[in-house]
Amino acid sequence: MVSKLNIPVKIIGCPILRESNGLAMSSRNERLSEKDKQFASIIYKTISKAKMQFKTKSASMISKWVNNQFKNIPDFELEYFQIADEATLLPCIRKNKSKQYRAFIAVYINKVRLIDTISLN
């Protein structure tokens, strides 16, 4: 992958450590109340359901579904949800069976920004 400045970028993946409720472990979680930590598990539940839907639905349909999931949740603000090619990080326009895809999400809960990702293949 090459950055906008034509500088090669190497992404080194590593496992995501999770709380018992699925919330990705992060130092930011310390800024959440215990109630918010439990409620924030909806982030992982949502991207896990998106992974299941990716087998039969388009990326745009899944994106609309995710956006709707967060519309009526008080104290949650969806910053973005994106399905992208794992190799290039370019947004998925049309699925290609020879490519690997990943979902990326960022959500604010009471002004704390939480991010997560999941492989869709």
PDB file of N, CA and C in Angstrom:
ATOM      1  N   MET A   1       0.845  -1.174   0.000  1.00  0.00           N
ATOM      2  CA  MET A   1       0.000   0.000   0.000  1.00  0.00           C
ATOM      3  C   MET A   1       0.891   1.238   0.000  1.00  0.00           C
ATOM      4  N   VAL A   2       0.430   2.295  -0.659  1.00  0.00           N
ATOM      5  CA  VAL A   2       1.191   3.535  -0.744  1.00  0.00           C
ATOM      6  C   VAL A   2       0.309   4.663  -0.216  1.00  0.00           C
ATOM      7  N   SER A   3       0.898   5.527   0.595  1.00  0.00           N
ATOM      8  CA  SER A   3       0.158   6.662   1.142  1.00  0.00           C
ATOM      9  C   SER A   3      -0.051   7.728   0.071  1.00  0.00           C
ATOM     10  N   LYS A   4      -0.820   8.765   0.409  1.00  0.00           N
ATOM     11  CA  LYS A   4      -1.058   9.863  -0.530  1.00  0.00           C
ATOM     12  C   LYS A   4       0.234  10.573  -0.913  1.00  0.00           C
ATOM     13  N   LEU A   5       1.255  10.446  -0.097  1.00  0.00           N
ATOM     14  CA  LEU A   5       2.537  11.090  -0.373  1.00  0.00           C
ATOM     15  C   LEU A   5       3.489  10.161  -1.107  1.00  0.00           C
ATOM     16  N   ASN A   6       2.967   9.027  -1.635  1.00  0.00           N
ATOM     17  CA  ASN A   6       3.767   8.020  -2.319  1.00  0.00           C
ATOM     18  C   ASN A   6       4.826   7.391  -1.424  1.00  0.00           C
ATOM     19  N   ILE A   7       4.533   7.318  -0.146  1.00  0.00           N
ATOM     20  CA  ILE A   7       5.417   6.669   0.810  1.00  0.00           C
ATOM     21  C   ILE A   7       4.827   5.297   1.109  1.00  0.00           C
ATOM     22  N   PRO A   8       5.608   4.236   0.920  1.00  0.00           N
ATOM     23  CA  PRO A   8       5.069   2.903   1.211  1.00  0.00           C
ATOM     24  C   PRO A   8       4.658   2.787   2.681  1.00  0.00           C
ATOM     25  N   VAL A   9       3.531   2.167   2.887  1.00  0.00           N
ATOM     26  CA  VAL A   9       3.010   1.959   4.243  1.00  0.00           C
ATOM     27  C   VAL A   9       2.813   0.468   4.433  1.00  0.00           C
ATOM     28  N   LYS A  10       3.336  -0.066   5.509  1.00  0.00           N
ATOM     29  CA  LYS A  10       3.161  -1.480   5.813  1.00  0.00           C
ATOM     30  C   LYS A  10       2.265  -1.591   7.045  1.00  0.00           C
ATOM     31  N   ILE A  11       1.188  -2.345   6.896  1.00  0.00           N
ATOM     32  CA  ILE A  11       0.265  -2.548   8.001  1.00  0.00           C
ATOM     33  C   ILE A  11       0.578  -3.896   8.628  1.00  0.00           C
ATOM     34  N   ILE A  12       0.797  -3.877   9.923  1.00  0.00           N
ATOM     35  CA  ILE A  12       1.089  -5.111  10.648  1.00  0.00           C
ATOM     36  C   ILE A  12      -0.099  -5.389  11.555  1.00  0.00           C
ATOM     37  N   GLY A  13      -0.860  -6.412  11.208  1.00  0.00           N
ATOM     38  CA  GLY A  13      -2.041  -6.752  11.981  1.00  0.00           C
ATOM     39  C   GLY A  13      -1.687  -7.494  13.256  1.00  0.00           C
ATOM     40  N   CYS A  14      -2.565  -7.408  14.216  1.00  0.00           N
ATOM     41  CA  CYS A  14      -2.407  -8.149  15.464  1.00  0.00           C
ATOM     42  C   CYS A  14      -3.802  -8.456  16.004  1.00  0.00           C
ATOM     43  N   PRO A  15      -3.903  -9.449  16.869  1.00  0.00           N
ATOM     44  CA  PRO A  15      -5.228  -9.796  17.412  1.00  0.00           C
ATOM     45  C   PRO A  15      -5.813  -8.641  18.232  1.00  0.00           C
ATOM     46  N   ILE A  16      -7.126  -8.553  18.221  1.00  0.00           N
ATOM     47  CA  ILE A  16      -7.825  -7.555  19.045  1.00  0.00           C
ATOM     48  C   ILE A  16      -8.216  -8.231  20.349  1.00  0.00           C
ATOM     49  N   LEU A  17      -7.764  -7.671  21.441  1.00  0.00           N
ATOM     50  CA  LEU A  17      -8.156  -8.183  22.754  1.00  0.00           C
ATOM     51  C   LEU A  17      -9.491  -7.562  23.108  1.00  0.00           C
ATOM     52  N   ARG A  18     -10.396  -8.379  23.660  1.00  0.00           N
ATOM     53  CA  ARG A  18     -11.747  -7.918  23.937  1.00  0.00           C
ATOM     54  C   ARG A  18     -12.134  -8.159  25.387  1.00  0.00           C
ATOM     55  N   GLU A  19     -12.994  -7.258  25.873  1.00  0.00           N
ATOM     56  CA  GLU A  19     -13.616  -7.455  27.177  1.00  0.00           C
ATOM     57  C   GLU A  19     -14.570  -8.642  27.061  1.00  0.00           C
ATOM     58  N   SER A  20     -15.090  -9.139  28.164  1.00  0.00           N
ATOM     59  CA  SER A  20     -15.997 -10.293  28.133  1.00  0.00           C
ATOM     60  C   SER A  20     -17.274 -10.016  27.331  1.00  0.00           C
ATOM     61  N   ASN A  21     -17.662  -8.736  27.210  1.00  0.00           N
ATOM     62  CA  ASN A  21     -18.873  -8.388  26.459  1.00  0.00           C
ATOM     63  C   ASN A  21     -18.598  -8.099  24.982  1.00  0.00           C
ATOM     64  N   GLY A  22     -17.347  -8.267  24.540  1.00  0.00           N
ATOM     65  CA  GLY A  22     -16.992  -8.053  23.141  1.00  0.00           C
ATOM     66  C   GLY A  22     -16.351  -6.702  22.860  1.00  0.00           C
ATOM     67  N   LEU A  23     -16.440  -5.759  23.774  1.00  0.00           N
ATOM     68  CA  LEU A  23     -15.848  -4.433  23.577  1.00  0.00           C
ATOM     69  C   LEU A  23     -14.336  -4.571  23.421  1.00  0.00           C
ATOM     70  N   ALA A  24     -13.792  -3.947  22.362  1.00  0.00           N
ATOM     71  CA  ALA A  24     -12.346  -3.977  22.150  1.00  0.00           C
ATOM     72  C   ALA A  24     -11.652  -3.285  23.321  1.00  0.00           C
ATOM     73  N   MET A  25     -10.617  -3.932  23.862  1.00  0.00           N
ATOM     74  CA  MET A  25      -9.887  -3.337  24.984  1.00  0.00           C
ATOM     75  C   MET A  25      -9.114  -2.114  24.502  1.00  0.00           C
ATOM     76  N   SER A  26      -9.188  -1.054  25.271  1.00  0.00           N
ATOM     77  CA  SER A  26      -8.524   0.197  24.925  1.00  0.00           C
ATOM     78  C   SER A  26      -8.369   1.038  26.184  1.00  0.00           C
ATOM     79  N   SER A  27      -7.340   1.866  26.217  1.00  0.00           N
ATOM     80  CA  SER A  27      -7.186   2.781  27.355  1.00  0.00           C
ATOM     81  C   SER A  27      -8.340   3.784  27.390  1.00  0.00           C
ATOM     82  N   ARG A  28      -8.978   4.012  26.255  1.00  0.00           N
ATOM     83  CA  ARG A  28     -10.125   4.928  26.208  1.00  0.00           C
ATOM     84  C   ARG A  28     -11.303   4.395  27.024  1.00  0.00           C
ATOM     85  N   ASN A  29     -11.379   3.070  27.158  1.00  0.00           N
ATOM     86  CA  ASN A  29     -12.488   2.474  27.906  1.00  0.00           C
ATOM     87  C   ASN A  29     -12.520   2.956  29.353  1.00  0.00           C
ATOM     88  N   GLU A  30     -11.363   3.367  29.869  1.00  0.00           N
ATOM     89  CA  GLU A  30     -11.297   3.868  31.249  1.00  0.00           C
ATOM     90  C   GLU A  30     -12.088   5.165  31.411  1.00  0.00           C
ATOM     91  N   ARG A  31     -12.344   5.845  30.308  1.00  0.00           N
ATOM     92  CA  ARG A  31     -13.111   7.097  30.359  1.00  0.00           C
ATOM     93  C   ARG A  31     -14.618   6.845  30.343  1.00  0.00           C
ATOM     94  N   LEU A  32     -15.014   5.577  30.199  1.00  0.00           N
ATOM     95  CA  LEU A  32     -16.436   5.219  30.170  1.00  0.00           C
ATOM     96  C   LEU A  32     -16.911   4.793  31.552  1.00  0.00           C
ATOM     97  N   SER A  33     -18.158   5.089  31.836  1.00  0.00           N
ATOM     98  CA  SER A  33     -18.765   4.561  33.066  1.00  0.00           C
ATOM     99  C   SER A  33     -18.963   3.059  32.877  1.00  0.00           C
ATOM    100  N   GLU A  34     -19.198   2.340  33.962  1.00  0.00           N
ATOM    101  CA  GLU A  34     -19.451   0.899  33.858  1.00  0.00           C
ATOM    102  C   GLU A  34     -20.687   0.636  32.998  1.00  0.00           C
ATOM    103  N   LYS A  35     -21.695   1.478  33.135  1.00  0.00           N
ATOM    104  CA  LYS A  35     -22.913   1.334  32.336  1.00  0.00           C
ATOM    105  C   LYS A  35     -22.592   1.524  30.847  1.00  0.00           C
ATOM    106  N   ASP A  36     -21.802   2.556  30.532  1.00  0.00           N
ATOM    107  CA  ASP A  36     -21.437   2.812  29.144  1.00  0.00           C
ATOM    108  C   ASP A  36     -20.588   1.679  28.574  1.00  0.00           C
ATOM    109  N   LYS A  37     -19.695   1.106  29.375  1.00  0.00           N
ATOM    110  CA  LYS A  37     -18.883  -0.021  28.913  1.00  0.00           C
ATOM    111  C   LYS A  37     -19.766  -1.185  28.513  1.00  0.00           C
ATOM    112  N   GLN A  38     -20.756  -1.479  29.322  1.00  0.00           N
ATOM    113  CA  GLN A  38     -21.662  -2.580  28.999  1.00  0.00           C
ATOM    114  C   GLN A  38     -22.479  -2.259  27.749  1.00  0.00           C
ATOM    115  N   PHE A  39     -22.982  -1.037  27.665  1.00  0.00           N
ATOM    116  CA  PHE A  39     -23.810  -0.631  26.540  1.00  0.00           C
ATOM    117  C   PHE A  39     -22.993  -0.562  25.250  1.00  0.00           C
ATOM    118  N   ALA A  40     -21.693  -0.255  25.378  1.00  0.00           N
ATOM    119  CA  ALA A  40     -20.823  -0.141  24.209  1.00  0.00           C
ATOM    120  C   ALA A  40     -20.608  -1.482  23.522  1.00  0.00           C
ATOM    121  N   SER A  41     -21.010  -2.555  24.156  1.00  0.00           N
ATOM    122  CA  SER A  41     -20.876  -3.874  23.521  1.00  0.00           C
ATOM    123  C   SER A  41     -21.698  -3.946  22.237  1.00  0.00           C
ATOM    124  N   ILE A  42     -22.634  -3.031  22.068  1.00  0.00           N
ATOM    125  CA  ILE A  42     -23.436  -3.002  20.836  1.00  0.00           C
ATOM    126  C   ILE A  42     -22.562  -2.766  19.607  1.00  0.00           C
ATOM    127  N   ILE A  43     -21.411  -2.144  19.788  1.00  0.00           N
ATOM    128  CA  ILE A  43     -20.508  -1.902  18.652  1.00  0.00           C
ATOM    129  C   ILE A  43     -20.049  -3.232  18.069  1.00  0.00           C
ATOM    130  N   TYR A  44     -19.531  -4.107  18.928  1.00  0.00           N
ATOM    131  CA  TYR A  44     -19.051  -5.405  18.447  1.00  0.00           C
ATOM    132  C   TYR A  44     -20.202  -6.278  17.962  1.00  0.00           C
ATOM    133  N   LYS A  45     -21.323  -6.218  18.651  1.00  0.00           N
ATOM    134  CA  LYS A  45     -22.484  -7.004  18.214  1.00  0.00           C
ATOM    135  C   LYS A  45     -22.918  -6.567  16.812  1.00  0.00           C
ATOM    136  N   THR A  46     -22.880  -5.282  16.559  1.00  0.00           N
ATOM    137  CA  THR A  46     -23.297  -4.750  15.262  1.00  0.00           C
ATOM    138  C   THR A  46     -22.342  -5.173  14.156  1.00  0.00           C
ATOM    139  N   ILE A  47     -21.024  -5.047  14.386  1.00  0.00           N
ATOM    140  CA  ILE A  47     -20.103  -5.432  13.310  1.00  0.00           C
ATOM    141  C   ILE A  47     -20.079  -6.951  13.129  1.00  0.00           C
ATOM    142  N   SER A  48     -20.379  -7.700  14.177  1.00  0.00           N
ATOM    143  CA  SER A  48     -20.480  -9.159  14.038  1.00  0.00           C
ATOM    144  C   SER A  48     -21.678  -9.529  13.172  1.00  0.00           C
ATOM    145  N   LYS A  49     -22.798  -8.824  13.366  1.00  0.00           N
ATOM    146  CA  LYS A  49     -23.977  -9.058  12.516  1.00  0.00           C
ATOM    147  C   LYS A  49     -23.703  -8.607  11.084  1.00  0.00           C
ATOM    148  N   ALA A  50     -22.943  -7.529  10.935  1.00  0.00           N
ATOM    149  CA  ALA A  50     -22.563  -7.063   9.594  1.00  0.00           C
ATOM    150  C   ALA A  50     -21.742  -8.142   8.884  1.00  0.00           C
ATOM    151  N   LYS A  51     -20.874  -8.815   9.626  1.00  0.00           N
ATOM    152  CA  LYS A  51     -20.078  -9.892   9.050  1.00  0.00           C
ATOM    153  C   LYS A  51     -20.979 -11.003   8.517  1.00  0.00           C
ATOM    154  N   MET A  52     -21.994 -11.354   9.265  1.00  0.00           N
ATOM    155  CA  MET A  52     -22.924 -12.392   8.819  1.00  0.00           C
ATOM    156  C   MET A  52     -23.683 -11.931   7.572  1.00  0.00           C
ATOM    157  N   GLN A  53     -24.103 -10.678   7.565  1.00  0.00           N
ATOM    158  CA  GLN A  53     -24.852 -10.139   6.432  1.00  0.00           C
ATOM    159  C   GLN A  53     -23.992 -10.045   5.172  1.00  0.00           C
ATOM    160  N   PHE A  54     -22.684  -9.882   5.351  1.00  0.00           N
ATOM    161  CA  PHE A  54     -21.777  -9.714   4.204  1.00  0.00           C
ATOM    162  C   PHE A  54     -21.790 -10.938   3.297  1.00  0.00           C
ATOM    163  N   LYS A  55     -22.219 -12.067   3.811  1.00  0.00           N
ATOM    164  CA  LYS A  55     -22.292 -13.292   3.002  1.00  0.00           C
ATOM    165  C   LYS A  55     -23.355 -13.175   1.908  1.00  0.00           C
ATOM    166  N   THR A  56     -24.408 -12.392   2.166  1.00  0.00           N
ATOM    167  CA  THR A  56     -25.536 -12.346   1.232  1.00  0.00           C
ATOM    168  C   THR A  56     -25.937 -10.949   0.777  1.00  0.00           C
ATOM    169  N   LYS A  57     -25.432  -9.923   1.433  1.00  0.00           N
ATOM    170  CA  LYS A  57     -25.855  -8.557   1.108  1.00  0.00           C
ATOM    171  C   LYS A  57     -24.691  -7.715   0.616  1.00  0.00           C
ATOM    172  N   SER A  58     -25.028  -6.639  -0.065  1.00  0.00           N
ATOM    173  CA  SER A  58     -24.003  -5.724  -0.579  1.00  0.00           C
ATOM    174  C   SER A  58     -23.443  -4.857   0.544  1.00  0.00           C
ATOM    175  N   ALA A  59     -22.267  -4.310   0.299  1.00  0.00           N
ATOM    176  CA  ALA A  59     -21.626  -3.422   1.270  1.00  0.00           C
ATOM    177  C   ALA A  59     -22.503  -2.199   1.544  1.00  0.00           C
ATOM    178  N   SER A  60     -23.140  -1.654   0.519  1.00  0.00           N
ATOM    179  CA  SER A  60     -23.979  -0.460   0.720  1.00  0.00           C
ATOM    180  C   SER A  60     -25.218  -0.792   1.556  1.00  0.00           C
ATOM    181  N   MET A  61     -25.797  -1.970   1.353  1.00  0.00           N
ATOM    182  CA  MET A  61     -26.961  -2.362   2.166  1.00  0.00           C
ATOM    183  C   MET A  61     -26.559  -2.522   3.629  1.00  0.00           C
ATOM    184  N   ILE A  62     -25.403  -3.105   3.862  1.00  0.00           N
ATOM    185  CA  ILE A  62     -24.925  -3.298   5.231  1.00  0.00           C
ATOM    186  C   ILE A  62     -24.619  -1.958   5.880  1.00  0.00           C
ATOM    187  N   SER A  63     -24.012  -1.053   5.136  1.00  0.00           N
ATOM    188  CA  SER A  63     -23.704   0.281   5.669  1.00  0.00           C
ATOM    189  C   SER A  63     -24.972   1.018   6.086  1.00  0.00           C
ATOM    190  N   LYS A  64     -26.004   0.926   5.260  1.00  0.00           N
ATOM    191  CA  LYS A  64     -27.282   1.560   5.612  1.00  0.00           C
ATOM    192  C   LYS A  64     -27.854   0.935   6.876  1.00  0.00           C
ATOM    193  N   TRP A  65     -27.777  -0.392   6.971  1.00  0.00           N
ATOM    194  CA  TRP A  65     -28.277  -1.091   8.150  1.00  0.00           C
ATOM    195  C   TRP A  65     -27.534  -0.644   9.414  1.00  0.00           C
ATOM    196  N   VAL A  66     -26.200  -0.573   9.341  1.00  0.00           N
ATOM    197  CA  VAL A  66     -25.400  -0.145  10.498  1.00  0.00           C
ATOM    198  C   VAL A  66     -25.772   1.279  10.892  1.00  0.00           C
ATOM    199  N   ASN A  67     -25.878   2.171   9.926  1.00  0.00           N
ATOM    200  CA  ASN A  67     -26.264   3.556  10.226  1.00  0.00           C
ATOM    201  C   ASN A  67     -27.608   3.602  10.942  1.00  0.00           C
ATOM    202  N   ASN A  68     -28.549   2.805  10.496  1.00  0.00           N
ATOM    203  CA  ASN A  68     -29.865   2.767  11.148  1.00  0.00           C
ATOM    204  C   ASN A  68     -29.791   2.221  12.565  1.00  0.00           C
ATOM    205  N   GLN A  69     -28.873   1.302  12.817  1.00  0.00           N
ATOM    206  CA  GLN A  69     -28.739   0.729  14.158  1.00  0.00           C
ATOM    207  C   GLN A  69     -28.365   1.797  15.183  1.00  0.00           C
ATOM    208  N   PHE A  70     -27.577   2.772  14.763  1.00  0.00           N
ATOM    209  CA  PHE A  70     -27.086   3.785  15.701  1.00  0.00           C
ATOM    210  C   PHE A  70     -27.912   5.070  15.716  1.00  0.00           C
ATOM    211  N   LYS A  71     -28.870   5.201  14.813  1.00  0.00           N
ATOM    212  CA  LYS A  71     -29.653   6.444  14.723  1.00  0.00           C
ATOM    213  C   LYS A  71     -30.418   6.772  16.003  1.00  0.00           C
ATOM    214  N   ASN A  72     -30.984   5.772  16.630  1.00  0.00           N
ATOM    215  CA  ASN A  72     -31.875   6.028  17.769  1.00  0.00           C
ATOM    216  C   ASN A  72     -31.299   5.580  19.104  1.00  0.00           C
ATOM    217  N   ILE A  73     -29.990   5.496  19.190  1.00  0.00           N
ATOM    218  CA  ILE A  73     -29.370   5.128  20.462  1.00  0.00           C
ATOM    219  C   ILE A  73     -28.871   6.400  21.136  1.00  0.00           C
ATOM    220  N   PRO A  74     -29.489   6.768  22.250  1.00  0.00           N
ATOM    221  CA  PRO A  74     -29.050   7.977  22.960  1.00  0.00           C
ATOM    222  C   PRO A  74     -27.582   7.852  23.384  1.00  0.00           C
ATOM    223  N   ASP A  75     -26.875   8.937  23.347  1.00  0.00           N
ATOM    224  CA  ASP A  75     -25.477   9.030  23.769  1.00  0.00           C
ATOM    225  C   ASP A  75     -24.494   8.364  22.807  1.00  0.00           C
ATOM    226  N   PHE A  76     -24.969   7.791  21.701  1.00  0.00           N
ATOM    227  CA  PHE A  76     -24.102   7.187  20.702  1.00  0.00           C
ATOM    228  C   PHE A  76     -24.143   8.029  19.439  1.00  0.00           C
ATOM    229  N   GLU A  77     -22.967   8.283  18.877  1.00  0.00           N
ATOM    230  CA  GLU A  77     -22.892   8.973  17.591  1.00  0.00           C
ATOM    231  C   GLU A  77     -21.951   8.186  16.686  1.00  0.00           C
ATOM    232  N   LEU A  78     -22.495   7.641  15.621  1.00  0.00           N
ATOM    233  CA  LEU A  78     -21.687   6.899  14.660  1.00  0.00           C
ATOM    234  C   LEU A  78     -20.869   7.896  13.841  1.00  0.00           C
ATOM    235  N   GLU A  79     -19.555   7.820  13.940  1.00  0.00           N
ATOM    236  CA  GLU A  79     -18.693   8.687  13.135  1.00  0.00           C
ATOM    237  C   GLU A  79     -18.580   8.109  11.721  1.00  0.00           C
ATOM    238  N   TYR A  80     -18.275   6.814  11.636  1.00  0.00           N
ATOM    239  CA  TYR A  80     -18.230   6.168  10.331  1.00  0.00           C
ATOM    240  C   TYR A  80     -18.351   4.661  10.471  1.00  0.00           C
ATOM    241  N   PHE A  81     -18.802   4.043   9.409  1.00  0.00           N
ATOM    242  CA  PHE A  81     -18.754   2.598   9.208  1.00  0.00           C
ATOM    243  C   PHE A  81     -18.331   2.406   7.772  1.00  0.00           C
ATOM    244  N   GLN A  82     -17.307   1.586   7.543  1.00  0.00           N
ATOM    245  CA  GLN A  82     -16.784   1.390   6.194  1.00  0.00           C
ATOM    246  C   GLN A  82     -16.386  -0.062   5.989  1.00  0.00           C
ATOM    247  N   ILE A  83     -16.748  -0.609   4.860  1.00  0.00           N
ATOM    248  CA  ILE A  83     -16.254  -1.911   4.443  1.00  0.00           C
ATOM    249  C   ILE A  83     -15.208  -1.642   3.377  1.00  0.00           C
ATOM    250  N   ALA A  84     -14.003  -2.207   3.581  1.00  0.00           N
ATOM    251  CA  ALA A  84     -12.895  -1.908   2.682  1.00  0.00           C
ATOM    252  C   ALA A  84     -12.105  -3.168   2.350  1.00  0.00           C
ATOM    253  N   ASP A  85     -11.411  -3.100   1.222  1.00  0.00           N
ATOM    254  CA  ASP A  85     -10.478  -4.139   0.801  1.00  0.00           C
ATOM    255  C   ASP A  85      -9.336  -4.168   1.824  1.00  0.00           C
ATOM    256  N   GLU A  86      -9.035  -5.342   2.375  1.00  0.00           N
ATOM    257  CA  GLU A  86      -7.975  -5.427   3.388  1.00  0.00           C
ATOM    258  C   GLU A  86      -6.608  -5.046   2.839  1.00  0.00           C
ATOM    259  N   ALA A  87      -6.343  -5.329   1.580  1.00  0.00           N
ATOM    260  CA  ALA A  87      -5.021  -5.063   1.006  1.00  0.00           C
ATOM    261  C   ALA A  87      -4.798  -3.596   0.693  1.00  0.00           C
ATOM    262  N   THR A  88      -5.830  -2.914   0.202  1.00  0.00           N
ATOM    263  CA  THR A  88      -5.669  -1.530  -0.243  1.00  0.00           C
ATOM    264  C   THR A  88      -6.342  -0.517   0.673  1.00  0.00           C
ATOM    265  N   LEU A  89      -7.252  -0.973   1.512  1.00  0.00           N
ATOM    266  CA  LEU A  89      -8.094  -0.134   2.371  1.00  0.00           C
ATOM    267  C   LEU A  89      -9.035   0.767   1.572  1.00  0.00           C
ATOM    268  N   LEU A  90      -9.195   0.471   0.288  1.00  0.00           N
ATOM    269  CA  LEU A  90     -10.164   1.212  -0.524  1.00  0.00           C
ATOM    270  C   LEU A  90     -11.565   0.695  -0.229  1.00  0.00           C
ATOM    271  N   PRO A  91     -12.546   1.586  -0.206  1.00  0.00           N
ATOM    272  CA  PRO A  91     -13.927   1.159   0.077  1.00  0.00           C
ATOM    273  C   PRO A  91     -14.404   0.095  -0.904  1.00  0.00           C
ATOM    274  N   CYS A  92     -15.181  -0.827  -0.399  1.00  0.00           N
ATOM    275  CA  CYS A  92     -15.772  -1.879  -1.226  1.00  0.00           C
ATOM    276  C   CYS A  92     -16.963  -1.284  -1.970  1.00  0.00           C
ATOM    277  N   ILE A  93     -16.884  -1.284  -3.273  1.00  0.00           N
ATOM    278  CA  ILE A  93     -17.986  -0.828  -4.113  1.00  0.00           C
ATOM    279  C   ILE A  93     -18.800  -2.037  -4.572  1.00  0.00           C
ATOM    280  N   ARG A  94     -18.100  -3.026  -5.056  1.00  0.00           N
ATOM    281  CA  ARG A  94     -18.720  -4.284  -5.484  1.00  0.00           C
ATOM    282  C   ARG A  94     -17.817  -5.419  -4.990  1.00  0.00           C
ATOM    283  N   LYS A  95     -18.413  -6.404  -4.315  1.00  0.00           N
ATOM    284  CA  LYS A  95     -17.640  -7.519  -3.770  1.00  0.00           C
ATOM    285  C   LYS A  95     -16.965  -8.318  -4.877  1.00  0.00           C
ATOM    286  N   ASN A  96     -15.759  -8.764  -4.563  1.00  0.00           N
ATOM    287  CA  ASN A  96     -14.980  -9.598  -5.463  1.00  0.00           C
ATOM    288  C   ASN A  96     -14.517 -10.803  -4.639  1.00  0.00           C
ATOM    289  N   LYS A  97     -14.858 -12.000  -5.068  1.00  0.00           N
ATOM    290  CA  LYS A  97     -14.563 -13.214  -4.295  1.00  0.00           C
ATOM    291  C   LYS A  97     -13.073 -13.433  -4.067  1.00  0.00           C
ATOM    292  N   SER A  98     -12.234 -12.831  -4.893  1.00  0.00           N
ATOM    293  CA  SER A  98     -10.793 -13.024  -4.738  1.00  0.00           C
ATOM    294  C   SER A  98     -10.165 -12.054  -3.736  1.00  0.00           C
ATOM    295  N   LYS A  99     -10.962 -11.153  -3.162  1.00  0.00           N
ATOM    296  CA  LYS A  99     -10.436 -10.162  -2.219  1.00  0.00           C
ATOM    297  C   LYS A  99     -10.898 -10.462  -0.797  1.00  0.00           C
ATOM    298  N   GLN A 100     -10.122  -9.955   0.142  1.00  0.00           N
ATOM    299  CA  GLN A 100     -10.463 -10.047   1.559  1.00  0.00           C
ATOM    300  C   GLN A 100     -10.987  -8.671   1.988  1.00  0.00           C
ATOM    301  N   TYR A 101     -12.045  -8.677   2.778  1.00  0.00           N
ATOM    302  CA  TYR A 101     -12.656  -7.416   3.208  1.00  0.00           C
ATOM    303  C   TYR A 101     -12.682  -7.315   4.726  1.00  0.00           C
ATOM    304  N   ARG A 102     -12.753  -6.070   5.186  1.00  0.00           N
ATOM    305  CA  ARG A 102     -12.777  -5.780   6.615  1.00  0.00           C
ATOM    306  C   ARG A 102     -13.744  -4.629   6.851  1.00  0.00           C
ATOM    307  N   ALA A 103     -14.457  -4.706   7.967  1.00  0.00           N
ATOM    308  CA  ALA A 103     -15.349  -3.614   8.370  1.00  0.00           C
ATOM    309  C   ALA A 103     -14.641  -2.773   9.427  1.00  0.00           C
ATOM    310  N   PHE A 104     -14.783  -1.467   9.301  1.00  0.00           N
ATOM    311  CA  PHE A 104     -14.190  -0.512  10.239  1.00  0.00           C
ATOM    312  C   PHE A 104     -15.309   0.365  10.788  1.00  0.00           C
ATOM    313  N   ILE A 105     -15.238   0.663  12.091  1.00  0.00           N
ATOM    314  CA  ILE A 105     -16.280   1.477  12.708  1.00  0.00           C
ATOM    315  C   ILE A 105     -15.674   2.391  13.764  1.00  0.00           C
ATOM    316  N   ALA A 106     -16.226   3.590  13.877  1.00  0.00           N
ATOM    317  CA  ALA A 106     -15.866   4.519  14.952  1.00  0.00           C
ATOM    318  C   ALA A 106     -17.173   5.093  15.495  1.00  0.00           C
ATOM    319  N   VAL A 107     -17.305   5.043  16.806  1.00  0.00           N
ATOM    320  CA  VAL A 107     -18.525   5.500  17.472  1.00  0.00           C
ATOM    321  C   VAL A 107     -18.145   6.338  18.683  1.00  0.00           C
ATOM    322  N   TYR A 108     -18.816   7.453  18.845  1.00  0.00           N
ATOM    323  CA  TYR A 108     -18.667   8.244  20.068  1.00  0.00           C
ATOM    324  C   TYR A 108     -19.755   7.823  21.039  1.00  0.00           C
ATOM    325  N   ILE A 109     -19.365   7.562  22.276  1.00  0.00           N
ATOM    326  CA  ILE A 109     -20.330   7.333  23.340  1.00  0.00           C
ATOM    327  C   ILE A 109     -19.975   8.306  24.458  1.00  0.00           C
ATOM    328  N   ASN A 110     -20.878   9.244  24.694  1.00  0.00           N
ATOM    329  CA  ASN A 110     -20.636  10.300  25.679  1.00  0.00           C
ATOM    330  C   ASN A 110     -19.267  10.945  25.496  1.00  0.00           C
ATOM    331  N   LYS A 111     -18.964  11.320  24.259  1.00  0.00           N
ATOM    332  CA  LYS A 111     -17.751  12.053  23.861  1.00  0.00           C
ATOM    333  C   LYS A 111     -16.470  11.226  23.896  1.00  0.00           C
ATOM    334  N   VAL A 112     -16.571   9.918  24.096  1.00  0.00           N
ATOM    335  CA  VAL A 112     -15.410   9.036  24.036  1.00  0.00           C
ATOM    336  C   VAL A 112     -15.463   8.302  22.702  1.00  0.00           C
ATOM    337  N   ARG A 113     -14.396   8.412  21.927  1.00  0.00           N
ATOM    338  CA  ARG A 113     -14.361   7.790  20.597  1.00  0.00           C
ATOM    339  C   ARG A 113     -13.838   6.362  20.718  1.00  0.00           C
ATOM    340  N   LEU A 114     -14.672   5.414  20.282  1.00  0.00           N
ATOM    341  CA  LEU A 114     -14.312   4.003  20.290  1.00  0.00           C
ATOM    342  C   LEU A 114     -14.231   3.512  18.855  1.00  0.00           C
ATOM    343  N   ILE A 115     -13.202   2.726  18.559  1.00  0.00           N
ATOM    344  CA  ILE A 115     -13.038   2.183  17.221  1.00  0.00           C
ATOM    345  C   ILE A 115     -12.978   0.665  17.299  1.00  0.00           C
ATOM    346  N   ASP A 116     -13.344   0.018  16.189  1.00  0.00           N
ATOM    347  CA  ASP A 116     -13.268  -1.438  16.129  1.00  0.00           C
ATOM    348  C   ASP A 116     -13.192  -1.857  14.671  1.00  0.00           C
ATOM    349  N   THR A 117     -12.823  -3.090  14.460  1.00  0.00           N
ATOM    350  CA  THR A 117     -12.696  -3.645  13.124  1.00  0.00           C
ATOM    351  C   THR A 117     -12.907  -5.148  13.195  1.00  0.00           C
ATOM    352  N   ILE A 118     -13.336  -5.720  12.074  1.00  0.00           N
ATOM    353  CA  ILE A 118     -13.527  -7.170  12.008  1.00  0.00           C
ATOM    354  C   ILE A 118     -13.327  -7.618  10.566  1.00  0.00           C
ATOM    355  N   SER A 119     -12.672  -8.777  10.415  1.00  0.00           N
ATOM    356  CA  SER A 119     -12.527  -9.366   9.092  1.00  0.00           C
ATOM    357  C   SER A 119     -13.879  -9.898   8.662  1.00  0.00           C
ATOM    358  N   LEU A 120     -14.228  -9.719   7.398  1.00  0.00           N
ATOM    359  CA  LEU A 120     -15.532 -10.161   6.906  1.00  0.00           C
ATOM    360  C   LEU A 120     -15.451 -11.482   6.157  1.00  0.00           C
ATOM    361  N   ASN A 121     -14.258 -12.026   5.953  1.00  0.00           N
ATOM    362  CA  ASN A 121     -14.117 -13.286   5.218  1.00  0.00           C
ATOM    363  C   ASN A 121     -13.848 -14.427   6.171  1.00  0.00           C
TER     364      ASN A 121
END
